[in-house]
Amino acid sequence: MPKKKLKGIVVSDAMNKTVVVIVNRYKKHPKYKKYIRISKKYKAHDENNQYKKGDKVVIEECRPKSKDKHFIVT
């Protein structure tokens, strides 16, 4: 099974070796047939603390690094 890859923007880099990435996607409303923007935040592992707030990144699924960190910045 291929690993999930998501594109997003770093919204927080305050933690050590961790960044918070917001990923936007569009979903069609079942009744009104209008596309709605859905946002979700993911915590991702950043080994060298090289990504800063506002950077566009691609995150890839990996084994759990901590309780709620299941992605790594590629």
Protein backbone atom coordinates (compact mmCIF):
# COMPACT_ATOMS: atom_id res chain seq x y z
CA MET A 1 0.00 0.00 0.00
CA PRO A 2 1.50 3.38 -0.98
CA LYS A 3 2.14 5.98 1.71
CA LYS A 4 -0.16 8.98 1.89
CA LYS A 5 1.40 12.28 0.73
CA LEU A 6 -0.22 15.62 1.55
CA LYS A 7 0.66 19.21 0.58
CA GLY A 8 0.26 21.96 3.11
CA ILE A 9 1.60 25.07 4.83
CA VAL A 10 3.50 25.18 8.12
CA VAL A 11 1.44 27.11 10.70
CA SER A 12 3.61 26.47 13.78
CA ASP A 13 7.26 25.58 14.38
CA ALA A 14 7.41 26.21 18.15
CA MET A 15 8.02 22.58 19.12
CA ASN A 16 11.41 20.87 18.90
CA LYS A 17 11.70 18.60 15.80
CA THR A 18 7.97 19.04 15.09
CA VAL A 19 5.96 21.30 12.79
CA VAL A 20 2.19 21.73 12.51
CA VAL A 21 0.99 21.64 8.90
CA ILE A 22 -2.47 22.73 7.75
CA VAL A 23 -3.83 20.80 4.76
CA ASN A 24 -6.79 22.16 2.77
CA ARG A 25 -9.03 19.98 0.63
CA TYR A 26 -12.34 20.46 -1.14
CA LYS A 27 -15.40 18.32 -0.49
CA LYS A 28 -18.72 18.45 -2.34
CA HIS A 29 -21.76 19.07 -0.13
CA PRO A 30 -24.15 16.14 -0.61
CA LYS A 31 -27.36 18.21 -0.73
CA TYR A 32 -26.33 21.57 -2.15
CA LYS A 33 -23.62 20.29 -4.56
CA LYS A 34 -21.33 23.16 -3.56
CA TYR A 35 -17.65 22.61 -2.87
CA ILE A 36 -16.60 23.39 0.70
CA ARG A 37 -13.02 23.88 1.86
CA ILE A 38 -12.08 21.51 4.68
CA SER A 39 -8.92 22.24 6.72
CA LYS A 40 -7.07 19.81 8.96
CA LYS A 41 -3.90 20.20 11.00
CA TYR A 42 -1.27 17.49 11.15
CA LYS A 43 1.85 17.28 13.31
CA ALA A 44 4.88 16.23 11.29
CA HIS A 45 8.43 15.27 12.20
CA ASP A 46 11.12 17.78 11.16
CA GLU A 47 14.49 16.29 12.20
CA ASN A 48 16.69 19.37 11.63
CA ASN A 49 14.17 22.12 12.55
CA GLN A 50 14.69 23.57 9.05
CA TYR A 51 11.07 24.49 8.17
CA LYS A 52 9.62 27.77 9.41
CA LYS A 53 6.13 29.25 9.62
CA GLY A 54 4.69 29.94 6.16
CA ASP A 55 6.75 27.33 4.26
CA LYS A 56 4.96 25.10 1.76
CA VAL A 57 5.80 21.45 2.47
CA VAL A 58 4.89 17.90 1.50
CA ILE A 59 4.32 15.49 4.37
CA GLU A 60 4.43 11.72 4.05
CA GLU A 61 2.84 9.06 6.24
CA CYS A 62 5.20 7.01 8.42
CA ARG A 63 5.18 4.85 11.51
CA PRO A 64 4.06 6.69 14.68
CA LYS A 65 6.81 8.94 16.04
CA SER A 66 4.75 9.93 19.11
CA LYS A 67 1.15 9.93 20.37
CA ASP A 68 -0.18 12.15 17.57
CA LYS A 69 2.75 12.48 15.13
CA HIS A 70 2.34 10.07 12.19
CA PHE A 71 3.85 12.13 9.35
CA ILE A 72 7.34 13.19 8.32
CA VAL A 73 8.26 16.26 6.24
CA THR A 74 9.78 15.24 2.87
